């Protein structure tokens, strides 16, 4: 018998922004890019398609965008 349903809507119950930013810090570090958690935290809320180009130089995007997404997904999972 179902007695309750608990739903967290984008940080209402659990503020996961710092953990999400840390995952990006670790992801970028894997590719040799160093950013602070605060730098990335200011960009949280953007999808990877907008966040990655904010931090990765335009000339490196074609080669790095998909590998970055793959590594970040593995860190978050």
C-alpha atoms as a PDB file:
ATOM      1  CA  UNK A   1       0.000   0.000   0.000  1.00  0.00           C
ATOM      2  CA  UNK A   2       1.444   3.350  -1.085  1.00  0.00           C
ATOM      3  CA  UNK A   3       1.334   5.819   1.805  1.00  0.00           C
ATOM      4  CA  UNK A   4       3.417   8.734   0.500  1.00  0.00           C
ATOM      5  CA  UNK A   5       5.305  10.057  -2.479  1.00  0.00           C
ATOM      6  CA  UNK A   6       8.444  12.151  -2.051  1.00  0.00           C
ATOM      7  CA  UNK A   7       9.551  14.310  -4.947  1.00  0.00           C
ATOM      8  CA  UNK A   8      12.569  16.649  -5.074  1.00  0.00           C
ATOM      9  CA  UNK A   9      12.164  19.326  -7.732  1.00  0.00           C
ATOM     10  CA  UNK A  10      15.475  20.943  -8.717  1.00  0.00           C
ATOM     11  CA  UNK A  11      16.958  21.413  -5.274  1.00  0.00           C
ATOM     12  CA  UNK A  12      13.790  21.949  -3.280  1.00  0.00           C
ATOM     13  CA  UNK A  13      14.659  19.249  -0.733  1.00  0.00           C
ATOM     14  CA  UNK A  14      18.266  18.455  -1.594  1.00  0.00           C
ATOM     15  CA  UNK A  15      20.650  21.153  -2.784  1.00  0.00           C
ATOM     16  CA  UNK A  16      22.889  19.203  -5.135  1.00  0.00           C
ATOM     17  CA  UNK A  17      24.400  22.173  -6.978  1.00  0.00           C
ATOM     18  CA  UNK A  18      27.793  21.900  -5.241  1.00  0.00           C
ATOM     19  CA  UNK A  19      27.982  18.173  -5.994  1.00  0.00           C
ATOM     20  CA  UNK A  20      27.079  18.859  -9.613  1.00  0.00           C
ATOM     21  CA  UNK A  21      29.757  21.555  -9.830  1.00  0.00           C
ATOM     22  CA  UNK A  22      32.310  19.176  -8.282  1.00  0.00           C
ATOM     23  CA  UNK A  23      31.496  16.604 -10.963  1.00  0.00           C
ATOM     24  CA  UNK A  24      32.289  19.232 -13.607  1.00  0.00           C
ATOM     25  CA  UNK A  25      35.528  20.207 -11.803  1.00  0.00           C
ATOM     26  CA  UNK A  26      36.623  16.556 -11.918  1.00  0.00           C
ATOM     27  CA  UNK A  27      35.521  16.169 -15.532  1.00  0.00           C
ATOM     28  CA  UNK A  28      37.440  19.207 -16.774  1.00  0.00           C
ATOM     29  CA  UNK A  29      40.496  18.190 -14.724  1.00  0.00           C
ATOM     30  CA  UNK A  30      40.466  14.834 -16.532  1.00  0.00           C
ATOM     31  CA  UNK A  31      41.121  16.804 -19.736  1.00  0.00           C
ATOM     32  CA  UNK A  32      43.748  19.091 -18.191  1.00  0.00           C
ATOM     33  CA  UNK A  33      41.532  22.101 -17.483  1.00  0.00           C
ATOM     34  CA  UNK A  34      41.453  23.525 -13.959  1.00  0.00           C
ATOM     35  CA  UNK A  35      38.475  25.546 -12.748  1.00  0.00           C
ATOM     36  CA  UNK A  36      37.258  26.242  -9.234  1.00  0.00           C
ATOM     37  CA  UNK A  37      33.992  24.879  -7.987  1.00  0.00           C
ATOM     38  CA  UNK A  38      32.750  28.467  -7.594  1.00  0.00           C
ATOM     39  CA  UNK A  39      33.532  29.279 -11.241  1.00  0.00           C
ATOM     40  CA  UNK A  40      31.513  26.299 -12.353  1.00  0.00           C
ATOM     41  CA  UNK A  41      28.783  26.819  -9.763  1.00  0.00           C
ATOM     42  CA  UNK A  42      27.942  30.145 -11.399  1.00  0.00           C
ATOM     43  CA  UNK A  43      27.166  28.227 -14.606  1.00  0.00           C
ATOM     44  CA  UNK A  44      25.084  25.426 -13.039  1.00  0.00           C
ATOM     45  CA  UNK A  45      21.622  25.363 -14.548  1.00  0.00           C
ATOM     46  CA  UNK A  46      22.929  25.412 -18.077  1.00  0.00           C
ATOM     47  CA  UNK A  47      22.934  22.188 -20.028  1.00  0.00           C
ATOM     48  CA  UNK A  48      26.258  20.666 -21.010  1.00  0.00           C
ATOM     49  CA  UNK A  49      25.765  22.075 -24.513  1.00  0.00           C
ATOM     50  CA  UNK A  50      26.075  25.582 -23.029  1.00  0.00           C
ATOM     51  CA  UNK A  51      28.330  24.913 -20.048  1.00  0.00           C
ATOM     52  CA  UNK A  52      31.126  23.142 -21.912  1.00  0.00           C
ATOM     53  CA  UNK A  53      31.633  25.925 -24.503  1.00  0.00           C
ATOM     54  CA  UNK A  54      31.789  28.450 -21.662  1.00  0.00           C
ATOM     55  CA  UNK A  55      34.933  26.740 -20.306  1.00  0.00           C
ATOM     56  CA  UNK A  56      36.553  24.985 -23.264  1.00  0.00           C
ATOM     57  CA  UNK A  57      38.267  27.024 -25.996  1.00  0.00           C
ATOM     58  CA  UNK A  58      36.283  27.118 -29.232  1.00  0.00           C
ATOM     59  CA  UNK A  59      39.077  25.504 -31.262  1.00  0.00           C
ATOM     60  CA  UNK A  60      39.101  22.447 -28.920  1.00  0.00           C
ATOM     61  CA  UNK A  61      35.319  21.931 -28.810  1.00  0.00           C
ATOM     62  CA  UNK A  62      34.978  19.661 -31.861  1.00  0.00           C
ATOM     63  CA  UNK A  63      37.455  17.157 -30.431  1.00  0.00           C
ATOM     64  CA  UNK A  64      36.554  17.429 -26.730  1.00  0.00           C
ATOM     65  CA  UNK A  65      32.821  18.092 -26.389  1.00  0.00           C
ATOM     66  CA  UNK A  66      31.589  14.497 -26.724  1.00  0.00           C
ATOM     67  CA  UNK A  67      34.384  12.933 -24.629  1.00  0.00           C
ATOM     68  CA  UNK A  68      33.739  15.530 -21.907  1.00  0.00           C
ATOM     69  CA  UNK A  69      30.028  14.695 -21.869  1.00  0.00           C
ATOM     70  CA  UNK A  70      30.808  10.985 -21.643  1.00  0.00           C
ATOM     71  CA  UNK A  71      33.238  11.374 -18.725  1.00  0.00           C
ATOM     72  CA  UNK A  72      30.934  13.788 -16.876  1.00  0.00           C
ATOM     73  CA  UNK A  73      27.999  11.426 -17.237  1.00  0.00           C
ATOM     74  CA  UNK A  74      30.097   8.636 -15.715  1.00  0.00           C
ATOM     75  CA  UNK A  75      31.105  10.809 -12.772  1.00  0.00           C
ATOM     76  CA  UNK A  76      27.533  11.878 -12.085  1.00  0.00           C
ATOM     77  CA  UNK A  77      26.076   8.375 -12.360  1.00  0.00           C
END
